[in-house]
Amino acid sequence: MTTSASKHPLDPILRTERIPHIWCPGCGIGTAFSSCLIALQSSGIDLDKTAVVSGIGCSGRGAGYVRLDSYHTTHGRAIPFATGMKLANPELNVIVFSGDGDLFAIGGNHFLHAARRNMDLTVICVNNFNYGMTGGQAAATTPNLAKTTTTTRGNPESPFNLPLLAYASGATYIARWTMLHTRDLTQSISEAIQRRGFSFIEVLAPCPTGYGRRNKQKPIEALKIFQERAVVKNGANPAEVLLDFKRGITLGKFIDFERPTFTESYDKICRPQPAADSA
């Protein structure tokens, strides 16, 4: 029996006054967002020194539901906002939670350079294969031949391999999971936010309203694909990871190594060093 005193485990960091959320039935963003919040709580990081940043789009609404310092920024600009926050206060834990359209189309250039610089950020990208909020148009991640409002006969382009793009740009932690693999996803996010450097996690999620409806794919069918055709290959070469609904989907933690962060490199080269004592 539910009473007014009943509490949800995420109530301390969830803006319950803004619930119910706006995400559609069958959408995977809520599950990905829940994994993110559980990871934040269980990681042991100081939540008073933690900020969540998002851009425009369905996933971008996540920042509005978290009871932390949070910023819902302009389209494609979540990463530069997050970069500025981290440089202004290096003690902050900064998490970017946004979608594939926001991060890899209009925001693609910002992603490349943040990874190249090894900014100390955790970037979580919910990939639903289209612009879900703005009309279901083709995105940089839309599979070849898939139908959208702007590719009604099928997408003639090939999508980005996001783990490979992140690796080629310089990211030091790269993983991919589906919203169905919640335990692995939660653990991966927890690892990412406790380490130094640019961390990138791709989360595959169904979009029944924008993508699924036009490709005659019901939410339960998308989940069956994630369950039956996903193979976990930790340490796989990002150039070889599959994301093909027919041939297979490669999941796992692909990359995890350390190199100096941008802040460390900047302090070493650009900040005045104490004068050496004269003999």
C-alpha atoms as a PDB file:
ATOM      1  CA  MET A   1       0.000   0.000   0.000  1.00  0.00           C
ATOM      2  CA  THR A   2       1.403   3.390  -1.021  1.00  0.00           C
ATOM      3  CA  THR A   3       1.261   6.150   1.579  1.00  0.00           C
ATOM      4  CA  SER A   4       2.195   9.811   1.553  1.00  0.00           C
ATOM      5  CA  ALA A   5       5.258   8.868   3.597  1.00  0.00           C
ATOM      6  CA  SER A   6       6.585   6.502   0.926  1.00  0.00           C
ATOM      7  CA  LYS A   7       9.883   7.595  -0.527  1.00  0.00           C
ATOM      8  CA  HIS A   8      11.654   6.712  -3.734  1.00  0.00           C
ATOM      9  CA  PRO A   9      15.402   5.985  -3.367  1.00  0.00           C
ATOM     10  CA  LEU A  10      16.192   8.809  -5.797  1.00  0.00           C
ATOM     11  CA  ASP A  11      14.019  11.429  -4.085  1.00  0.00           C
ATOM     12  CA  PRO A  12      17.034  13.225  -2.538  1.00  0.00           C
ATOM     13  CA  ILE A  13      18.423  14.179  -5.958  1.00  0.00           C
ATOM     14  CA  LEU A  14      15.243  14.186  -8.030  1.00  0.00           C
ATOM     15  CA  ARG A  15      12.987  17.210  -8.456  1.00  0.00           C
ATOM     16  CA  THR A  16       9.825  15.272  -7.667  1.00  0.00           C
ATOM     17  CA  GLU A  17       7.708  18.406  -8.031  1.00  0.00           C
ATOM     18  CA  ARG A  18       8.454  18.245 -11.769  1.00  0.00           C
ATOM     19  CA  ILE A  19       7.290  14.644 -12.099  1.00  0.00           C
ATOM     20  CA  PRO A  20       5.682  13.178 -14.188  1.00  0.00           C
ATOM     21  CA  HIS A  21       8.358  13.749 -16.798  1.00  0.00           C
ATOM     22  CA  ILE A  22       7.741  14.603 -20.452  1.00  0.00           C
ATOM     23  CA  TRP A  23       9.296  11.489 -22.001  1.00  0.00           C
ATOM     24  CA  CYS A  24       7.004   9.327 -24.133  1.00  0.00           C
ATOM     25  CA  PRO A  25       5.806   5.837 -23.117  1.00  0.00           C
ATOM     26  CA  GLY A  26       8.379   3.322 -24.299  1.00  0.00           C
ATOM     27  CA  CYS A  27      11.188   5.896 -24.441  1.00  0.00           C
ATOM     28  CA  GLY A  28      14.509   4.708 -23.012  1.00  0.00           C
ATOM     29  CA  ILE A  29      15.734   8.074 -21.732  1.00  0.00           C
ATOM     30  CA  GLY A  30      14.104   7.708 -18.321  1.00  0.00           C
ATOM     31  CA  THR A  31      15.914   4.435 -17.692  1.00  0.00           C
ATOM     32  CA  ALA A  32      19.247   5.924 -18.782  1.00  0.00           C
ATOM     33  CA  PHE A  33      18.610   8.952 -16.577  1.00  0.00           C
ATOM     34  CA  SER A  34      17.773   6.714 -13.621  1.00  0.00           C
ATOM     35  CA  SER A  35      21.067   4.837 -14.085  1.00  0.00           C
ATOM     36  CA  CYS A  36      22.879   8.168 -14.089  1.00  0.00           C
ATOM     37  CA  LEU A  37      21.236   9.269 -10.828  1.00  0.00           C
ATOM     38  CA  ILE A  38      21.895   5.922  -9.130  1.00  0.00           C
ATOM     39  CA  ALA A  39      25.541   6.158 -10.186  1.00  0.00           C
ATOM     40  CA  LEU A  40      25.795   9.678  -8.784  1.00  0.00           C
ATOM     41  CA  GLN A  41      24.385   8.548  -5.443  1.00  0.00           C
ATOM     42  CA  SER A  42      26.438   5.365  -5.144  1.00  0.00           C
ATOM     43  CA  SER A  43      29.761   6.775  -6.339  1.00  0.00           C
ATOM     44  CA  GLY A  44      30.444   8.657  -3.113  1.00  0.00           C
ATOM     45  CA  ILE A  45      31.357  11.906  -4.872  1.00  0.00           C
ATOM     46  CA  ASP A  46      30.457  15.209  -3.223  1.00  0.00           C
ATOM     47  CA  LEU A  47      27.092  16.099  -4.739  1.00  0.00           C
ATOM     48  CA  ASP A  48      27.442  19.662  -3.451  1.00  0.00           C
ATOM     49  CA  LYS A  49      30.345  19.947  -5.889  1.00  0.00           C
ATOM     50  CA  THR A  50      28.562  18.256  -8.784  1.00  0.00           C
ATOM     51  CA  ALA A  51      26.838  19.872 -11.761  1.00  0.00           C
ATOM     52  CA  VAL A  52      24.754  18.349 -14.559  1.00  0.00           C
ATOM     53  CA  VAL A  53      24.705  20.083 -17.949  1.00  0.00           C
ATOM     54  CA  SER A  54      22.518  19.318 -20.944  1.00  0.00           C
ATOM     55  CA  GLY A  55      21.654  20.793 -24.310  1.00  0.00           C
ATOM     56  CA  ILE A  56      18.451  20.864 -26.357  1.00  0.00           C
ATOM     57  CA  GLY A  57      16.444  17.750 -27.128  1.00  0.00           C
ATOM     58  CA  CYS A  58      14.527  15.014 -25.336  1.00  0.00           C
ATOM     59  CA  SER A  59      17.575  13.860 -23.344  1.00  0.00           C
ATOM     60  CA  GLY A  60      18.432  17.463 -22.560  1.00  0.00           C
ATOM     61  CA  ARG A  61      15.407  17.663 -20.293  1.00  0.00           C
ATOM     62  CA  GLY A  62      17.304  15.514 -17.779  1.00  0.00           C
ATOM     63  CA  ALA A  63      19.061  18.506 -16.263  1.00  0.00           C
ATOM     64  CA  GLY A  64      15.694  19.946 -15.297  1.00  0.00           C
ATOM     65  CA  TYR A  65      14.760  16.938 -13.159  1.00  0.00           C
ATOM     66  CA  VAL A  66      17.901  16.611 -11.047  1.00  0.00           C
ATOM     67  CA  ARG A  67      18.090  18.310  -7.640  1.00  0.00           C
ATOM     68  CA  LEU A  68      21.675  19.436  -8.114  1.00  0.00           C
ATOM     69  CA  ASP A  69      23.297  22.438  -9.726  1.00  0.00           C
ATOM     70  CA  SER A  70      22.074  21.930 -13.277  1.00  0.00           C
ATOM     71  CA  TYR A  71      22.141  23.833 -16.543  1.00  0.00           C
ATOM     72  CA  HIS A  72      19.871  23.407 -19.565  1.00  0.00           C
ATOM     73  CA  THR A  73      21.972  25.143 -22.191  1.00  0.00           C
ATOM     74  CA  THR A  74      21.547  26.196 -25.810  1.00  0.00           C
ATOM     75  CA  HIS A  75      21.445  23.733 -28.701  1.00  0.00           C
ATOM     76  CA  GLY A  76      24.745  21.936 -29.191  1.00  0.00           C
ATOM     77  CA  ARG A  77      26.531  23.939 -26.500  1.00  0.00           C
ATOM     78  CA  ALA A  78      26.385  21.634 -23.484  1.00  0.00           C
ATOM     79  CA  ILE A  79      30.077  20.711 -23.703  1.00  0.00           C
ATOM     80  CA  PRO A  80      31.447  24.290 -23.986  1.00  0.00           C
ATOM     81  CA  PHE A  81      29.254  25.314 -21.022  1.00  0.00           C
ATOM     82  CA  ALA A  82      30.586  22.331 -19.077  1.00  0.00           C
ATOM     83  CA  THR A  83      34.151  23.156 -20.124  1.00  0.00           C
ATOM     84  CA  GLY A  84      33.821  26.701 -18.819  1.00  0.00           C
ATOM     85  CA  MET A  85      32.462  25.467 -15.499  1.00  0.00           C
ATOM     86  CA  LYS A  86      35.288  22.965 -15.070  1.00  0.00           C
ATOM     87  CA  LEU A  87      37.967  25.547 -15.876  1.00  0.00           C
ATOM     88  CA  ALA A  88      36.422  28.114 -13.544  1.00  0.00           C
ATOM     89  CA  ASN A  89      36.231  25.601 -10.692  1.00  0.00           C
ATOM     90  CA  PRO A  90      38.362  22.468 -11.236  1.00  0.00           C
ATOM     91  CA  GLU A  91      36.958  20.930  -8.043  1.00  0.00           C
ATOM     92  CA  LEU A  92      33.558  20.452  -9.667  1.00  0.00           C
ATOM     93  CA  ASN A  93      32.359  17.081 -10.922  1.00  0.00           C
ATOM     94  CA  VAL A  94      30.739  17.971 -14.245  1.00  0.00           C
ATOM     95  CA  ILE A  95      28.419  15.555 -16.059  1.00  0.00           C
ATOM     96  CA  VAL A  96      26.956  16.212 -19.506  1.00  0.00           C
ATOM     97  CA  PHE A  97      23.707  14.329 -20.160  1.00  0.00           C
ATOM     98  CA  SER A  98      22.347  14.893 -23.654  1.00  0.00           C
ATOM     99  CA  GLY A  99      21.357  13.280 -26.946  1.00  0.00           C
ATOM    100  CA  ASP A 100      23.024  12.216 -30.169  1.00  0.00           C
ATOM    101  CA  GLY A 101      21.639  15.149 -32.176  1.00  0.00           C
ATOM    102  CA  ASP A 102      22.750  17.764 -29.672  1.00  0.00           C
ATOM    103  CA  LEU A 103      26.206  16.273 -29.087  1.00  0.00           C
ATOM    104  CA  PHE A 104      27.189  15.040 -32.544  1.00  0.00           C
ATOM    105  CA  ALA A 105      25.455  17.275 -35.084  1.00  0.00           C
ATOM    106  CA  ILE A 106      25.321  20.944 -34.105  1.00  0.00           C
ATOM    107  CA  GLY A 107      27.558  20.163 -31.121  1.00  0.00           C
ATOM    108  CA  GLY A 108      29.956  17.821 -32.882  1.00  0.00           C
ATOM    109  CA  ASN A 109      32.865  20.216 -33.107  1.00  0.00           C
ATOM    110  CA  HIS A 110      32.731  20.893 -29.375  1.00  0.00           C
ATOM    111  CA  PHE A 111      32.834  17.170 -28.637  1.00  0.00           C
ATOM    112  CA  LEU A 112      35.931  16.679 -30.786  1.00  0.00           C
ATOM    113  CA  HIS A 113      37.958  19.374 -29.085  1.00  0.00           C
ATOM    114  CA  ALA A 114      36.879  18.555 -25.532  1.00  0.00           C
ATOM    115  CA  ALA A 115      38.025  14.969 -26.127  1.00  0.00           C
ATOM    116  CA  ARG A 116      41.243  16.171 -27.781  1.00  0.00           C
ATOM    117  CA  ARG A 117      42.021  18.376 -24.789  1.00  0.00           C
ATOM    118  CA  ASN A 118      41.079  15.588 -22.375  1.00  0.00           C
ATOM    119  CA  MET A 119      38.742  17.849 -20.446  1.00  0.00           C
ATOM    120  CA  ASP A 120      37.813  16.293 -17.125  1.00  0.00           C
ATOM    121  CA  LEU A 121      34.143  15.711 -18.048  1.00  0.00           C
ATOM    122  CA  THR A 122      31.776  12.760 -18.129  1.00  0.00           C
ATOM    123  CA  VAL A 123      29.647  12.853 -21.282  1.00  0.00           C
ATOM    124  CA  ILE A 124      26.609  10.547 -21.433  1.00  0.00           C
ATOM    125  CA  CYS A 125      24.968  10.401 -24.855  1.00  0.00           C
ATOM    126  CA  VAL A 126      21.523   8.851 -25.205  1.00  0.00           C
ATOM    127  CA  ASN A 127      21.443   7.681 -28.817  1.00  0.00           C
ATOM    128  CA  ASN A 128      17.896   7.195 -30.151  1.00  0.00           C
ATOM    129  CA  PHE A 129      18.936   7.479 -33.812  1.00  0.00           C
ATOM    130  CA  ASN A 130      16.984  10.623 -34.696  1.00  0.00           C
ATOM    131  CA  TYR A 131      16.035  14.136 -33.627  1.00  0.00           C
ATOM    132  CA  GLY A 132      13.266  12.948 -31.340  1.00  0.00           C
ATOM    133  CA  MET A 133      12.039  16.261 -29.982  1.00  0.00           C
ATOM    134  CA  THR A 134      12.136  18.480 -33.060  1.00  0.00           C
ATOM    135  CA  GLY A 135      10.258  16.300 -35.536  1.00  0.00           C
ATOM    136  CA  GLY A 136      12.016  12.976 -36.016  1.00  0.00           C
ATOM    137  CA  GLN A 137      14.512  14.156 -38.619  1.00  0.00           C
ATOM    138  CA  ALA A 138      17.619  12.214 -39.648  1.00  0.00           C
ATOM    139  CA  ALA A 139      20.590  12.647 -37.341  1.00  0.00           C
ATOM    140  CA  ALA A 140      24.294  11.888 -37.549  1.00  0.00           C
ATOM    141  CA  THR A 141      23.491   8.527 -35.941  1.00  0.00           C
ATOM    142  CA  THR A 142      20.504   7.455 -38.066  1.00  0.00           C
ATOM    143  CA  PRO A 143      21.205   3.991 -39.521  1.00  0.00           C
ATOM    144  CA  ASN A 144      21.618   3.624 -43.253  1.00  0.00           C
ATOM    145  CA  LEU A 145      18.246   3.086 -44.999  1.00  0.00           C
ATOM    146  CA  ALA A 146      16.255   3.985 -41.868  1.00  0.00           C
ATOM    147  CA  LYS A 147      13.240   6.216 -42.391  1.00  0.00           C
ATOM    148  CA  THR A 148      12.801   9.616 -40.767  1.00  0.00           C
ATOM    149  CA  THR A 149      10.783  12.720 -41.579  1.00  0.00           C
ATOM    150  CA  THR A 150      13.652  13.940 -43.755  1.00  0.00           C
ATOM    151  CA  THR A 151      14.536  10.545 -45.250  1.00  0.00           C
ATOM    152  CA  THR A 152      11.117   9.162 -46.106  1.00  0.00           C
ATOM    153  CA  ARG A 153      12.569   6.675 -48.616  1.00  0.00           C
ATOM    154  CA  GLY A 154      15.383   5.639 -46.317  1.00  0.00           C
ATOM    155  CA  ASN A 155      18.564   7.290 -45.088  1.00  0.00           C
ATOM    156  CA  PRO A 156      21.204   7.288 -47.874  1.00  0.00           C
ATOM    157  CA  GLU A 157      24.010   8.187 -45.445  1.00  0.00           C
ATOM    158  CA  SER A 158      26.108   6.114 -43.067  1.00  0.00           C
ATOM    159  CA  PRO A 159      25.996   6.963 -39.347  1.00  0.00           C
ATOM    160  CA  PHE A 160      28.870   7.868 -37.075  1.00  0.00           C
ATOM    161  CA  ASN A 161      30.536   5.108 -35.074  1.00  0.00           C
ATOM    162  CA  LEU A 162      30.464   7.122 -31.839  1.00  0.00           C
ATOM    163  CA  PRO A 163      32.997   5.048 -29.845  1.00  0.00           C
ATOM    164  CA  LEU A 164      35.458   5.269 -32.745  1.00  0.00           C
ATOM    165  CA  LEU A 165      34.872   9.009 -33.103  1.00  0.00           C
ATOM    166  CA  ALA A 166      35.503   9.478 -29.375  1.00  0.00           C
ATOM    167  CA  TYR A 167      38.668   7.353 -29.489  1.00  0.00           C
ATOM    168  CA  ALA A 168      40.071   9.126 -32.550  1.00  0.00           C
ATOM    169  CA  SER A 169      39.430  12.464 -30.847  1.00  0.00           C
ATOM    170  CA  GLY A 170      41.322  11.535 -27.681  1.00  0.00           C
ATOM    171  CA  ALA A 171      38.768  10.337 -25.109  1.00  0.00           C
ATOM    172  CA  THR A 172      40.355   8.278 -22.336  1.00  0.00           C
ATOM    173  CA  TYR A 173      37.270   6.297 -21.244  1.00  0.00           C
ATOM    174  CA  ILE A 174      34.766   4.942 -23.769  1.00  0.00           C
ATOM    175  CA  ALA A 175      31.846   2.584 -23.226  1.00  0.00           C
ATOM    176  CA  ARG A 176      28.581   1.639 -24.900  1.00  0.00           C
ATOM    177  CA  TRP A 177      25.517   0.056 -23.308  1.00  0.00           C
ATOM    178  CA  THR A 178      21.796  -0.102 -23.981  1.00  0.00           C
ATOM    179  CA  MET A 179      19.132   1.131 -21.588  1.00  0.00           C
ATOM    180  CA  LEU A 180      18.259  -2.540 -21.142  1.00  0.00           C
ATOM    181  CA  HIS A 181      21.699  -3.237 -19.605  1.00  0.00           C
ATOM    182  CA  THR A 182      21.003  -1.041 -16.587  1.00  0.00           C
ATOM    183  CA  ARG A 183      23.470  -2.601 -14.131  1.00  0.00           C
ATOM    184  CA  ASP A 184      26.375  -2.398 -16.565  1.00  0.00           C
ATOM    185  CA  LEU A 185      25.378   1.125 -17.530  1.00  0.00           C
ATOM    186  CA  THR A 186      25.139   2.277 -13.908  1.00  0.00           C
ATOM    187  CA  GLN A 187      28.519   0.763 -13.065  1.00  0.00           C
ATOM    188  CA  SER A 188      30.081   2.371 -16.132  1.00  0.00           C
ATOM    189  CA  ILE A 189      28.748   5.833 -15.271  1.00  0.00           C
ATOM    190  CA  SER A 190      29.971   5.419 -11.684  1.00  0.00           C
ATOM    191  CA  GLU A 191      33.451   4.511 -12.940  1.00  0.00           C
ATOM    192  CA  ALA A 192      33.503   7.396 -15.363  1.00  0.00           C
ATOM    193  CA  ILE A 193      32.613  10.121 -12.891  1.00  0.00           C
ATOM    194  CA  GLN A 194      35.269   8.933 -10.411  1.00  0.00           C
ATOM    195  CA  ARG A 195      38.158   9.052 -12.862  1.00  0.00           C
ATOM    196  CA  ARG A 196      40.174  11.861 -14.409  1.00  0.00           C
ATOM    197  CA  GLY A 197      39.879  12.861 -18.030  1.00  0.00           C
ATOM    198  CA  PHE A 198      37.295  12.867 -20.807  1.00  0.00           C
ATOM    199  CA  SER A 199      34.866   9.975 -20.376  1.00  0.00           C
ATOM    200  CA  PHE A 200      32.246   9.076 -22.968  1.00  0.00           C
ATOM    201  CA  ILE A 201      29.363   6.639 -22.569  1.00  0.00           C
ATOM    202  CA  GLU A 202      26.926   5.916 -25.388  1.00  0.00           C
ATOM    203  CA  VAL A 203      23.493   4.639 -24.311  1.00  0.00           C
ATOM    204  CA  LEU A 204      21.328   3.032 -27.002  1.00  0.00           C
ATOM    205  CA  ALA A 205      17.652   3.742 -26.384  1.00  0.00           C
ATOM    206  CA  PRO A 206      14.406   3.303 -28.346  1.00  0.00           C
ATOM    207  CA  CYS A 207      12.416   6.292 -29.596  1.00  0.00           C
ATOM    208  CA  PRO A 208       8.955   4.871 -30.305  1.00  0.00           C
ATOM    209  CA  THR A 209       7.407   8.181 -31.321  1.00  0.00           C
ATOM    210  CA  GLY A 210      10.022   9.518 -33.722  1.00  0.00           C
ATOM    211  CA  TYR A 211      12.127   6.598 -34.932  1.00  0.00           C
ATOM    212  CA  GLY A 212      10.148   3.481 -34.106  1.00  0.00           C
ATOM    213  CA  ARG A 213       6.838   4.591 -35.604  1.00  0.00           C
ATOM    214  CA  ARG A 214       8.370   5.388 -38.993  1.00  0.00           C
ATOM    215  CA  ASN A 215      10.401   2.199 -39.085  1.00  0.00           C
ATOM    216  CA  LYS A 216       7.521  -0.016 -37.918  1.00  0.00           C
ATOM    217  CA  GLN A 217       9.401  -0.930 -34.749  1.00  0.00           C
ATOM    218  CA  LYS A 218       7.456  -1.173 -31.495  1.00  0.00           C
ATOM    219  CA  PRO A 219       9.273  -0.460 -28.203  1.00  0.00           C
ATOM    220  CA  ILE A 220       9.204  -4.116 -27.161  1.00  0.00           C
ATOM    221  CA  GLU A 221      10.727  -5.081 -30.524  1.00  0.00           C
ATOM    222  CA  ALA A 222      13.585  -2.632 -29.988  1.00  0.00           C
ATOM    223  CA  LEU A 223      14.243  -4.157 -26.576  1.00  0.00           C
ATOM    224  CA  LYS A 224      14.240  -7.658 -28.052  1.00  0.00           C
ATOM    225  CA  ILE A 225      16.903  -6.537 -30.534  1.00  0.00           C
ATOM    226  CA  PHE A 226      18.994  -5.115 -27.690  1.00  0.00           C
ATOM    227  CA  GLN A 227      18.603  -8.361 -25.755  1.00  0.00           C
ATOM    228  CA  GLU A 228      19.088 -10.893 -28.536  1.00  0.00           C
ATOM    229  CA  ARG A 229      21.701  -9.233 -30.734  1.00  0.00           C
ATOM    230  CA  ALA A 230      23.899  -7.461 -28.206  1.00  0.00           C
ATOM    231  CA  VAL A 231      27.288  -8.976 -27.412  1.00  0.00           C
ATOM    232  CA  VAL A 232      29.515  -7.653 -24.623  1.00  0.00           C
ATOM    233  CA  LYS A 233      33.163  -7.362 -25.714  1.00  0.00           C
ATOM    234  CA  ASN A 234      35.099  -5.379 -23.155  1.00  0.00           C
ATOM    235  CA  GLY A 235      38.323  -4.012 -24.588  1.00  0.00           C
ATOM    236  CA  ALA A 236      37.127  -4.252 -28.184  1.00  0.00           C
ATOM    237  CA  ASN A 237      38.777  -2.073 -30.805  1.00  0.00           C
ATOM    238  CA  PRO A 238      36.432   0.935 -31.301  1.00  0.00           C
ATOM    239  CA  ALA A 239      36.992   0.651 -35.060  1.00  0.00           C
ATOM    240  CA  GLU A 240      35.451  -2.818 -35.013  1.00  0.00           C
ATOM    241  CA  VAL A 241      32.447  -2.409 -32.720  1.00  0.00           C
ATOM    242  CA  LEU A 242      29.180  -3.173 -34.491  1.00  0.00           C
ATOM    243  CA  LEU A 243      25.938  -1.269 -34.246  1.00  0.00           C
ATOM    244  CA  ASP A 244      23.783  -3.121 -36.708  1.00  0.00           C
ATOM    245  CA  PHE A 245      20.258  -4.221 -35.872  1.00  0.00           C
ATOM    246  CA  LYS A 246      20.638  -7.258 -38.150  1.00  0.00           C
ATOM    247  CA  ARG A 247      24.266  -8.346 -37.714  1.00  0.00           C
ATOM    248  CA  GLY A 248      24.752  -7.483 -34.064  1.00  0.00           C
ATOM    249  CA  ILE A 249      25.443  -4.790 -31.486  1.00  0.00           C
ATOM    250  CA  THR A 250      28.764  -4.640 -29.652  1.00  0.00           C
ATOM    251  CA  LEU A 251      28.601  -3.383 -26.069  1.00  0.00           C
ATOM    252  CA  GLY A 252      31.174  -2.973 -23.326  1.00  0.00           C
ATOM    253  CA  LYS A 253      33.902  -0.823 -21.907  1.00  0.00           C
ATOM    254  CA  PHE A 254      36.247  -0.346 -24.822  1.00  0.00           C
ATOM    255  CA  ILE A 255      38.836   2.182 -23.645  1.00  0.00           C
ATOM    256  CA  ASP A 256      40.162   3.110 -20.189  1.00  0.00           C
ATOM    257  CA  PHE A 257      43.572   4.739 -19.812  1.00  0.00           C
ATOM    258  CA  GLU A 258      45.052   7.895 -18.350  1.00  0.00           C
ATOM    259  CA  ARG A 259      46.861  10.875 -19.776  1.00  0.00           C
ATOM    260  CA  PRO A 260      47.209  14.442 -18.454  1.00  0.00           C
ATOM    261  CA  THR A 261      43.945  16.365 -18.339  1.00  0.00           C
ATOM    262  CA  PHE A 262      43.643  19.788 -19.904  1.00  0.00           C
ATOM    263  CA  THR A 263      43.729  21.485 -16.496  1.00  0.00           C
ATOM    264  CA  GLU A 264      46.911  19.637 -15.527  1.00  0.00           C
ATOM    265  CA  SER A 265      48.616  20.532 -18.808  1.00  0.00           C
ATOM    266  CA  TYR A 266      47.485  24.154 -18.593  1.00  0.00           C
ATOM    267  CA  ASP A 267      48.704  24.576 -15.014  1.00  0.00           C
ATOM    268  CA  LYS A 268      52.081  23.062 -15.873  1.00  0.00           C
ATOM    269  CA  ILE A 269      52.704  25.289 -18.883  1.00  0.00           C
ATOM    270  CA  CYS A 270      50.711  28.474 -18.456  1.00  0.00           C
ATOM    271  CA  ARG A 271      50.469  29.243 -14.730  1.00  0.00           C
ATOM    272  CA  PRO A 272      53.361  31.109 -13.106  1.00  0.00           C
ATOM    273  CA  GLN A 273      55.674  28.760 -11.240  1.00  0.00           C
ATOM    274  CA  PRO A 274      57.232  29.661  -7.874  1.00  0.00           C
ATOM    275  CA  ALA A 275      60.655  31.203  -8.271  1.00  0.00           C
ATOM    276  CA  ALA A 276      63.507  28.896  -7.324  1.00  0.00           C
ATOM    277  CA  ASP A 277      65.494  29.902  -4.244  1.00  0.00           C
ATOM    278  CA  SER A 278      68.782  31.482  -5.191  1.00  0.00           C
ATOM    279  CA  ALA A 279      71.888  29.825  -3.899  1.00  0.00           C
END
